[in-house]
Amino acid sequence: MRTLTVTTLAAAGLLCLAPNAGATRAGSHLTVTGQASHLRPAVGEVETVRWTVTNTGDGHLDHVRLITSVPTGWTVKDGPGCTHVAANLRCELGGLDAGRRVSVDVPMVVRKPLGPVQLRAWAAGSVGRLNVPGPETAFQVIVVARR
């Protein structure tokens, strides 16, 4: 099985703007990594995408969440514990300590159209009441006819 892994740059936490943010939380950053089980999935096949959120900063983040798009016409095969909102899945991941990561596997049944399909995800967290925006990442797989 071939896989493709894509990583985005860390997003600045902007915690210095928070009135009550402690110095230990000033270095909170997130990265998002995506990995597909097939680079060329066939129509009708299950494509599992693993999204991994990592806290690369030096402080704890609360209420970390991952939002991932579901390509038009594709269906999520098994519920990964995420809430379906329109064309997206919203996954509540909880708190994330510095240097830790958490992954979500999203199995989807591949549908047409044939050709390139973009898979996207983005993350965010919070420190107290302050929202800490995270990065967005995307990559493409090429949908092919049944094998």
N, C-alpha and C. Protein backbone atom coordinates (compact mmCIF):
# COMPACT_ATOMS: atom_id res chain seq x y z
N MET A 1 0.84 -1.17 0.00
CA MET A 1 0.00 0.00 0.00
C MET A 1 0.89 1.23 0.00
N ARG A 2 0.62 2.15 -0.91
CA ARG A 2 1.37 3.40 -0.98
C ARG A 2 0.61 4.47 -0.23
N THR A 3 1.32 5.34 0.43
CA THR A 3 0.67 6.44 1.13
C THR A 3 1.35 7.75 0.78
N LEU A 4 0.63 8.80 0.96
CA LEU A 4 1.13 10.15 0.75
C LEU A 4 0.91 10.89 2.05
N THR A 5 1.92 11.56 2.54
CA THR A 5 1.80 12.34 3.76
C THR A 5 2.07 13.79 3.45
N VAL A 6 1.20 14.65 3.95
CA VAL A 6 1.32 16.09 3.74
C VAL A 6 1.29 16.77 5.09
N THR A 7 2.17 17.72 5.31
CA THR A 7 2.23 18.45 6.57
C THR A 7 2.18 19.94 6.29
N THR A 8 1.49 20.69 7.14
CA THR A 8 1.49 22.15 7.01
C THR A 8 2.44 22.74 8.03
N LEU A 9 2.73 24.01 7.85
CA LEU A 9 3.55 24.72 8.81
C LEU A 9 2.77 24.98 10.09
N ALA A 10 3.48 25.13 11.18
CA ALA A 10 2.84 25.44 12.46
C ALA A 10 2.18 26.81 12.39
N ALA A 11 1.03 26.94 13.03
CA ALA A 11 0.33 28.22 13.09
C ALA A 11 0.66 28.90 14.41
N ALA A 12 0.91 30.18 14.36
CA ALA A 12 1.23 30.91 15.58
C ALA A 12 0.03 30.94 16.50
N GLY A 13 0.27 30.76 17.76
CA GLY A 13 -0.81 30.71 18.74
C GLY A 13 -1.43 32.05 19.05
N LEU A 14 -0.74 33.14 18.83
CA LEU A 14 -1.25 34.48 19.11
C LEU A 14 -1.63 34.66 20.57
N LEU A 15 -1.03 33.87 21.45
CA LEU A 15 -1.42 33.89 22.85
C LEU A 15 -0.95 35.13 23.58
N CYS A 16 -0.01 35.85 23.02
CA CYS A 16 0.46 37.05 23.69
C CYS A 16 -0.65 38.10 23.74
N LEU A 17 -1.71 37.94 22.95
CA LEU A 17 -2.82 38.88 22.95
C LEU A 17 -3.83 38.59 24.04
N ALA A 18 -3.74 37.42 24.65
CA ALA A 18 -4.70 37.04 25.68
C ALA A 18 -4.35 37.73 26.99
N PRO A 19 -5.32 38.38 27.64
CA PRO A 19 -5.01 39.10 28.85
C PRO A 19 -4.53 38.20 30.00
N ASN A 20 -5.02 36.98 30.09
CA ASN A 20 -4.65 36.09 31.19
C ASN A 20 -3.84 34.89 30.74
N ALA A 21 -3.25 34.95 29.58
CA ALA A 21 -2.47 33.81 29.09
C ALA A 21 -1.14 33.77 29.81
N GLY A 22 -0.82 32.62 30.39
CA GLY A 22 0.44 32.48 31.11
C GLY A 22 1.60 32.32 30.15
N ALA A 23 2.79 32.58 30.65
CA ALA A 23 3.99 32.47 29.81
C ALA A 23 4.21 31.06 29.31
N THR A 24 3.76 30.06 30.07
CA THR A 24 3.95 28.68 29.63
C THR A 24 3.08 28.34 28.44
N ARG A 25 2.08 29.14 28.19
CA ARG A 25 1.19 28.87 27.06
C ARG A 25 1.52 29.73 25.85
N ALA A 26 2.48 30.59 25.96
CA ALA A 26 2.79 31.52 24.88
C ALA A 26 3.36 30.85 23.66
N GLY A 27 3.82 29.61 23.75
CA GLY A 27 4.43 28.95 22.61
C GLY A 27 3.59 27.83 22.04
N SER A 28 2.27 27.93 22.12
CA SER A 28 1.43 26.86 21.61
C SER A 28 1.24 26.98 20.11
N HIS A 29 1.50 25.89 19.41
CA HIS A 29 1.37 25.83 17.95
C HIS A 29 0.74 24.49 17.59
N LEU A 30 0.11 24.43 16.43
CA LEU A 30 -0.48 23.20 15.92
C LEU A 30 0.07 22.90 14.54
N THR A 31 0.16 21.62 14.21
CA THR A 31 0.40 21.20 12.83
C THR A 31 -0.66 20.16 12.50
N VAL A 32 -0.96 20.04 11.23
CA VAL A 32 -1.90 19.03 10.75
C VAL A 32 -1.21 18.23 9.65
N THR A 33 -1.29 16.91 9.76
CA THR A 33 -0.70 16.02 8.77
C THR A 33 -1.80 15.14 8.21
N GLY A 34 -1.80 14.92 6.89
CA GLY A 34 -2.77 14.03 6.26
C GLY A 34 -2.08 12.89 5.56
N GLN A 35 -2.68 11.71 5.65
CA GLN A 35 -2.11 10.52 5.01
C GLN A 35 -3.27 9.71 4.41
N ALA A 36 -3.15 9.36 3.13
CA ALA A 36 -4.18 8.59 2.44
C ALA A 36 -3.73 7.15 2.27
N SER A 37 -4.68 6.22 2.36
CA SER A 37 -4.34 4.81 2.19
C SER A 37 -4.05 4.45 0.74
N HIS A 38 -4.61 5.21 -0.20
CA HIS A 38 -4.38 4.98 -1.63
C HIS A 38 -4.18 6.31 -2.33
N LEU A 39 -3.17 6.38 -3.17
CA LEU A 39 -2.96 7.60 -3.96
C LEU A 39 -3.88 7.65 -5.16
N ARG A 40 -4.32 6.45 -5.63
CA ARG A 40 -5.22 6.34 -6.77
C ARG A 40 -6.37 5.40 -6.40
N PRO A 41 -7.29 5.86 -5.54
CA PRO A 41 -8.40 5.00 -5.14
C PRO A 41 -9.37 4.78 -6.30
N ALA A 42 -9.96 3.59 -6.34
CA ALA A 42 -10.93 3.26 -7.38
C ALA A 42 -12.34 3.52 -6.86
N VAL A 43 -13.25 3.85 -7.79
CA VAL A 43 -14.66 4.05 -7.44
C VAL A 43 -15.17 2.80 -6.74
N GLY A 44 -15.85 2.97 -5.61
CA GLY A 44 -16.40 1.86 -4.84
C GLY A 44 -15.45 1.36 -3.75
N GLU A 45 -14.20 1.75 -3.82
CA GLU A 45 -13.19 1.33 -2.84
C GLU A 45 -13.29 2.20 -1.59
N VAL A 46 -12.80 1.67 -0.47
CA VAL A 46 -12.73 2.46 0.76
C VAL A 46 -11.37 3.15 0.82
N GLU A 47 -11.41 4.46 0.94
CA GLU A 47 -10.20 5.28 1.09
C GLU A 47 -10.18 5.75 2.54
N THR A 48 -9.13 5.39 3.28
CA THR A 48 -9.01 5.83 4.66
C THR A 48 -7.98 6.94 4.73
N VAL A 49 -8.42 8.07 5.25
CA VAL A 49 -7.54 9.21 5.41
C VAL A 49 -7.27 9.39 6.90
N ARG A 50 -6.00 9.42 7.27
CA ARG A 50 -5.62 9.67 8.67
C ARG A 50 -5.14 11.11 8.78
N TRP A 51 -5.85 11.85 9.63
CA TRP A 51 -5.45 13.22 9.93
C TRP A 51 -4.84 13.22 11.32
N THR A 52 -3.65 13.84 11.47
CA THR A 52 -2.97 13.90 12.75
C THR A 52 -2.73 15.36 13.12
N VAL A 53 -3.15 15.71 14.33
CA VAL A 53 -2.94 17.05 14.86
C VAL A 53 -1.87 16.95 15.94
N THR A 54 -0.83 17.79 15.84
CA THR A 54 0.27 17.77 16.80
C THR A 54 0.43 19.15 17.43
N ASN A 55 0.60 19.17 18.74
CA ASN A 55 0.90 20.41 19.46
C ASN A 55 2.42 20.52 19.50
N THR A 56 2.97 21.34 18.63
CA THR A 56 4.43 21.51 18.55
C THR A 56 4.94 22.63 19.44
N GLY A 57 4.04 23.24 20.18
CA GLY A 57 4.44 24.32 21.07
C GLY A 57 4.90 23.80 22.42
N ASP A 58 5.04 24.71 23.36
CA ASP A 58 5.51 24.33 24.68
C ASP A 58 4.44 24.49 25.75
N GLY A 59 3.18 24.66 25.33
CA GLY A 59 2.08 24.81 26.28
C GLY A 59 0.90 23.92 25.93
N HIS A 60 0.04 23.68 26.91
CA HIS A 60 -1.16 22.86 26.75
C HIS A 60 -2.23 23.63 25.96
N LEU A 61 -2.94 22.93 25.10
CA LEU A 61 -4.09 23.50 24.39
C LEU A 61 -5.35 22.76 24.85
N ASP A 62 -6.43 23.52 25.06
CA ASP A 62 -7.71 22.95 25.44
C ASP A 62 -8.59 22.83 24.19
N HIS A 63 -9.56 21.96 24.26
CA HIS A 63 -10.61 21.88 23.23
C HIS A 63 -10.06 21.88 21.81
N VAL A 64 -9.10 21.01 21.54
CA VAL A 64 -8.55 20.90 20.20
C VAL A 64 -9.59 20.22 19.31
N ARG A 65 -9.74 20.73 18.11
CA ARG A 65 -10.71 20.16 17.18
C ARG A 65 -10.11 20.11 15.79
N LEU A 66 -10.58 19.14 15.05
CA LEU A 66 -10.17 18.94 13.66
C LEU A 66 -11.43 18.97 12.82
N ILE A 67 -11.37 19.68 11.72
CA ILE A 67 -12.49 19.70 10.77
C ILE A 67 -11.93 19.23 9.45
N THR A 68 -12.59 18.26 8.87
CA THR A 68 -12.14 17.70 7.59
C THR A 68 -13.31 17.66 6.61
N SER A 69 -13.00 17.93 5.36
CA SER A 69 -14.04 17.90 4.34
C SER A 69 -14.28 16.48 3.86
N VAL A 70 -15.51 16.22 3.45
CA VAL A 70 -15.88 14.96 2.82
C VAL A 70 -16.15 15.30 1.36
N PRO A 71 -15.38 14.74 0.43
CA PRO A 71 -15.58 15.07 -0.98
C PRO A 71 -17.03 14.83 -1.43
N THR A 72 -17.49 15.63 -2.34
CA THR A 72 -18.85 15.53 -2.87
C THR A 72 -19.14 14.11 -3.36
N GLY A 73 -20.22 13.53 -2.86
CA GLY A 73 -20.64 12.20 -3.28
C GLY A 73 -20.01 11.07 -2.47
N TRP A 74 -18.91 11.30 -1.81
CA TRP A 74 -18.28 10.25 -1.00
C TRP A 74 -19.09 10.10 0.29
N THR A 75 -19.06 8.90 0.86
CA THR A 75 -19.76 8.67 2.12
C THR A 75 -18.80 8.13 3.16
N VAL A 76 -18.97 8.62 4.38
CA VAL A 76 -18.16 8.13 5.49
C VAL A 76 -18.68 6.75 5.85
N LYS A 77 -17.78 5.75 5.81
CA LYS A 77 -18.18 4.35 6.01
C LYS A 77 -18.49 4.04 7.47
N ASP A 78 -17.58 4.34 8.35
CA ASP A 78 -17.76 4.09 9.78
C ASP A 78 -17.64 5.42 10.50
N GLY A 79 -18.47 5.61 11.50
CA GLY A 79 -18.38 6.86 12.24
C GLY A 79 -17.12 6.92 13.09
N PRO A 80 -16.20 7.83 12.79
CA PRO A 80 -14.98 7.95 13.58
C PRO A 80 -15.17 8.72 14.88
N GLY A 81 -16.43 8.94 15.31
CA GLY A 81 -16.68 9.71 16.52
C GLY A 81 -16.74 11.20 16.26
N CYS A 82 -16.96 11.57 15.03
CA CYS A 82 -17.03 12.98 14.64
C CYS A 82 -18.47 13.32 14.26
N THR A 83 -18.79 14.59 14.31
CA THR A 83 -20.12 15.07 13.96
C THR A 83 -20.12 15.52 12.51
N HIS A 84 -21.10 15.03 11.75
CA HIS A 84 -21.25 15.42 10.35
C HIS A 84 -21.96 16.77 10.30
N VAL A 85 -21.31 17.78 9.74
CA VAL A 85 -21.89 19.11 9.58
C VAL A 85 -21.74 19.51 8.12
N ALA A 86 -22.85 19.47 7.39
CA ALA A 86 -22.85 19.76 5.95
C ALA A 86 -21.85 18.84 5.24
N ALA A 87 -20.88 19.38 4.54
CA ALA A 87 -19.91 18.57 3.79
C ALA A 87 -18.63 18.33 4.60
N ASN A 88 -18.69 18.53 5.92
CA ASN A 88 -17.51 18.38 6.77
C ASN A 88 -17.78 17.43 7.93
N LEU A 89 -16.69 16.93 8.50
CA LEU A 89 -16.74 16.22 9.77
C LEU A 89 -16.03 17.09 10.79
N ARG A 90 -16.63 17.26 11.95
CA ARG A 90 -16.01 18.03 13.04
C ARG A 90 -15.69 17.05 14.15
N CYS A 91 -14.41 16.96 14.49
CA CYS A 91 -13.93 16.00 15.48
C CYS A 91 -13.41 16.75 16.70
N GLU A 92 -14.03 16.54 17.84
CA GLU A 92 -13.59 17.14 19.10
C GLU A 92 -12.53 16.22 19.69
N LEU A 93 -11.30 16.71 19.83
CA LEU A 93 -10.17 15.88 20.23
C LEU A 93 -9.77 16.07 21.69
N GLY A 94 -10.33 17.05 22.38
CA GLY A 94 -10.00 17.29 23.78
C GLY A 94 -8.74 18.11 23.94
N GLY A 95 -8.13 18.03 25.13
CA GLY A 95 -6.90 18.76 25.42
C GLY A 95 -5.70 18.07 24.78
N LEU A 96 -4.67 18.86 24.52
CA LEU A 96 -3.46 18.31 23.90
C LEU A 96 -2.24 18.99 24.51
N ASP A 97 -1.45 18.20 25.24
CA ASP A 97 -0.24 18.71 25.87
C ASP A 97 0.84 18.98 24.84
N ALA A 98 1.79 19.80 25.21
CA ALA A 98 2.93 20.12 24.35
C ALA A 98 3.64 18.84 23.93
N GLY A 99 3.97 18.76 22.65
CA GLY A 99 4.69 17.60 22.12
C GLY A 99 3.83 16.39 21.84
N ARG A 100 2.55 16.44 22.13
CA ARG A 100 1.66 15.29 21.93
C ARG A 100 0.89 15.45 20.62
N ARG A 101 0.38 14.31 20.15
CA ARG A 101 -0.41 14.29 18.92
C ARG A 101 -1.60 13.38 19.09
N VAL A 102 -2.59 13.59 18.25
CA VAL A 102 -3.77 12.75 18.22
C VAL A 102 -4.18 12.58 16.76
N SER A 103 -4.65 11.37 16.41
CA SER A 103 -5.03 11.07 15.03
C SER A 103 -6.48 10.65 14.94
N VAL A 104 -7.06 10.90 13.79
CA VAL A 104 -8.42 10.49 13.47
C VAL A 104 -8.38 9.80 12.11
N ASP A 105 -8.88 8.56 12.04
CA ASP A 105 -8.99 7.84 10.77
C ASP A 105 -10.40 8.02 10.23
N VAL A 106 -10.50 8.46 8.98
CA VAL A 106 -11.80 8.68 8.34
C VAL A 106 -11.90 7.78 7.12
N PRO A 107 -12.62 6.64 7.25
CA PRO A 107 -12.82 5.76 6.10
C PRO A 107 -14.02 6.25 5.27
N MET A 108 -13.80 6.41 3.96
CA MET A 108 -14.86 6.90 3.08
C MET A 108 -14.95 6.01 1.85
N VAL A 109 -16.18 5.81 1.38
CA VAL A 109 -16.39 5.07 0.13
C VAL A 109 -16.22 6.07 -1.01
N VAL A 110 -15.32 5.74 -1.93
CA VAL A 110 -14.98 6.61 -3.05
C VAL A 110 -16.10 6.59 -4.09
N ARG A 111 -16.47 7.75 -4.54
CA ARG A 111 -17.49 7.90 -5.60
C ARG A 111 -16.90 8.75 -6.71
N LYS A 112 -17.63 8.84 -7.79
CA LYS A 112 -17.22 9.68 -8.92
C LYS A 112 -17.29 11.12 -8.49
N PRO A 113 -16.69 12.05 -9.17
CA PRO A 113 -16.14 11.96 -10.51
C PRO A 113 -14.73 11.38 -10.52
N LEU A 114 -14.36 10.85 -11.69
CA LEU A 114 -13.00 10.38 -11.87
C LEU A 114 -12.06 11.58 -11.96
N GLY A 115 -10.82 11.37 -11.57
CA GLY A 115 -9.84 12.45 -11.65
C GLY A 115 -9.44 12.94 -10.27
N PRO A 116 -8.83 14.13 -10.22
CA PRO A 116 -8.31 14.63 -8.94
C PRO A 116 -9.42 15.02 -7.97
N VAL A 117 -9.23 14.64 -6.71
CA VAL A 117 -10.15 15.01 -5.63
C VAL A 117 -9.30 15.56 -4.50
N GLN A 118 -9.67 16.73 -4.03
CA GLN A 118 -8.91 17.36 -2.96
C GLN A 118 -9.46 16.96 -1.60
N LEU A 119 -8.55 16.57 -0.70
CA LEU A 119 -8.89 16.24 0.68
C LEU A 119 -8.31 17.35 1.56
N ARG A 120 -9.17 17.95 2.42
CA ARG A 120 -8.74 19.10 3.22
C ARG A 120 -9.06 18.88 4.69
N ALA A 121 -8.25 19.48 5.55
CA ALA A 121 -8.52 19.48 6.98
C ALA A 121 -7.88 20.70 7.61
N TRP A 122 -8.43 21.14 8.72
CA TRP A 122 -7.85 22.23 9.48
C TRP A 122 -8.13 21.99 10.95
N ALA A 123 -7.34 22.62 11.80
CA ALA A 123 -7.43 22.39 13.23
C ALA A 123 -7.45 23.72 13.97
N ALA A 124 -7.91 23.67 15.22
CA ALA A 124 -7.89 24.83 16.11
C ALA A 124 -7.92 24.29 17.53
N GLY A 125 -7.63 25.14 18.44
CA GLY A 125 -7.68 24.80 19.86
C GLY A 125 -8.04 26.05 20.63
N SER A 126 -7.92 25.98 21.95
CA SER A 126 -8.16 27.17 22.76
C SER A 126 -7.32 27.09 24.01
N VAL A 127 -7.12 28.26 24.59
CA VAL A 127 -6.49 28.39 25.89
C VAL A 127 -7.41 29.30 26.67
N GLY A 128 -8.12 28.72 27.63
CA GLY A 128 -9.14 29.50 28.32
C GLY A 128 -10.20 29.92 27.33
N ARG A 129 -10.46 31.22 27.25
CA ARG A 129 -11.46 31.74 26.31
C ARG A 129 -10.87 32.12 24.95
N LEU A 130 -9.55 32.08 24.85
CA LEU A 130 -8.89 32.49 23.61
C LEU A 130 -8.85 31.35 22.60
N ASN A 131 -9.39 31.60 21.42
CA ASN A 131 -9.32 30.63 20.34
C ASN A 131 -7.93 30.69 19.71
N VAL A 132 -7.33 29.52 19.50
CA VAL A 132 -6.01 29.44 18.88
C VAL A 132 -6.20 28.81 17.50
N PRO A 133 -6.20 29.64 16.44
CA PRO A 133 -6.39 29.07 15.11
C PRO A 133 -5.20 28.22 14.71
N GLY A 134 -5.49 27.18 14.02
CA GLY A 134 -4.43 26.29 13.55
C GLY A 134 -4.33 26.34 12.04
N PRO A 135 -3.52 25.47 11.51
CA PRO A 135 -3.27 25.47 10.07
C PRO A 135 -4.34 24.71 9.30
N GLU A 136 -4.31 24.90 8.01
CA GLU A 136 -5.13 24.12 7.08
C GLU A 136 -4.17 23.39 6.16
N THR A 137 -4.53 22.17 5.79
CA THR A 137 -3.72 21.42 4.85
C THR A 137 -4.64 20.73 3.85
N ALA A 138 -4.12 20.41 2.70
CA ALA A 138 -4.88 19.73 1.66
C ALA A 138 -3.93 18.96 0.77
N PHE A 139 -4.44 17.89 0.19
CA PHE A 139 -3.71 17.17 -0.83
C PHE A 139 -4.71 16.48 -1.74
N GLN A 140 -4.23 16.00 -2.88
CA GLN A 140 -5.12 15.38 -3.85
C GLN A 140 -4.83 13.90 -4.00
N VAL A 141 -5.91 13.16 -4.26
CA VAL A 141 -5.79 11.78 -4.73
C VAL A 141 -6.45 11.78 -6.10
N ILE A 142 -6.15 10.78 -6.90
CA ILE A 142 -6.72 10.67 -8.24
C ILE A 142 -7.66 9.48 -8.25
N VAL A 143 -8.96 9.74 -8.42
CA VAL A 143 -9.97 8.68 -8.47
C VAL A 143 -9.93 8.04 -9.84
N VAL A 144 -9.85 6.70 -9.85
CA VAL A 144 -9.81 5.94 -11.10
C VAL A 144 -11.03 5.03 -11.19
N ALA A 145 -11.28 4.49 -12.38
CA ALA A 145 -12.41 3.58 -12.59
C ALA A 145 -12.16 2.29 -11.81
N ARG A 146 -13.23 1.53 -11.60
CA ARG A 146 -13.11 0.24 -10.87
C ARG A 146 -12.04 -0.61 -11.49
N ARG A 147 -11.35 -1.33 -10.62
CA ARG A 147 -10.26 -2.21 -11.10
C ARG A 147 -10.78 -3.58 -11.40
